Amino acid sequence: MEVLFSGDNSSPGAINESNKRSKPGTLFPVFLIRIFYVKRFVLMEKPRNRTQNIGLYMNRIYPFILIITIALSTSYCSKTSDFQSDSVSSYMNFQLGKFIIYRLDSTVKKPFDDTAFIVRSYQAKDVMDGIITDNIGRPSWRVVRYLRDTGSSRESDWVPIQSYMVTPLDNTVELIDNNMRFQKLKLPIKEGFSWKGNSYIFTDTGSDYGYLDDWDYTYENVGMPYKPLNTEVDSTITVAQADVILDTDTFDETIYSKEVYGKGIGLIYKEFFHREYQAKKTDLFPKGYTLGYGIKLRMISHN
């Protein structure tokens, strides 16, 4: 059997002749000689104290720690920069004449009853009516809401009842309704991203809108389908806004709010309910007293 060694220009025959000239008992592998001298050098090296050993160890390991840290940082930055958010306007439809028709269920106090609520239902149509400017000169859209009976299908039955304003910005969509400014959508559109959507609303002590204080708007189910009524929308985002229940011996309060937006459509679902109950009984209110209201919008169709 021939044994070849890479990097050796001699022939196998030369190696065999060399082996024949070696005396019995003098053959010693080269790699063992190298190990021997390395071991000897280590054993003869001047002993170090504990501090020197730690310093030497840290000097050897520090470059590896630095390399690992840089690699992890680069990986994190790469993952962060790879994320691409949809624009906030992609979940609206800012075109003149665009509309959405909803089933609107309005929860109101029952007449002549201090604690009960009733639900009144309508069809609602929100129409992009025109471009205007807000009070600081920013381009905005006026949206007009019309109502008609739930059983009606006649266009002539639509009656305008209110208007509100929507302002699309680079990273936010603001809505002004009843002189209150809400930040309805905000970048980045990402699962779990949260912001203070009611931060422009006065909610201090004495305000009628204290229940809107400190809401955390949070994105959920980003890009998932949603079925507001009978028609499923393929790509949506849910904005969870509030879910609070307070219950004491003398006072109860419920606050719930959620909105869902369809990509290229706008608001397809909204549910809001606020209720306060004062349990203290008086001659005027022998059962206690309840106040509050609610609204539920579910999209039927859009153009």
Foldseek 3Di string as FASTA:
>chain_A
DADDDPPDPDDSVVVVVVVVPDDPPPDDDPVVVVVVVVVVCVVPDDDDDPVVVVVVVCVVCVVVVVVVVVVVVVVVVVVVVVDDADWPCQLAAQDAFWKFKWWKWKWFDDPPAFADIDIDIWIKMWGQHDWDADPVGAIKTKIWMWTAHPPDDDPVRTDTDDIWIWGGDRFFIWIADPNAIFGPGGPRQDAFDWDLGRVRPDQDPPDPPVVSPPWIWGKHPAQPWDALDPDIARGKIKTWTDFDWDDDPFKTKTWGWIWMTGRNHGTAKIKTWIKMWGCDADPVRNRTGMGIMIMIIHTDDID
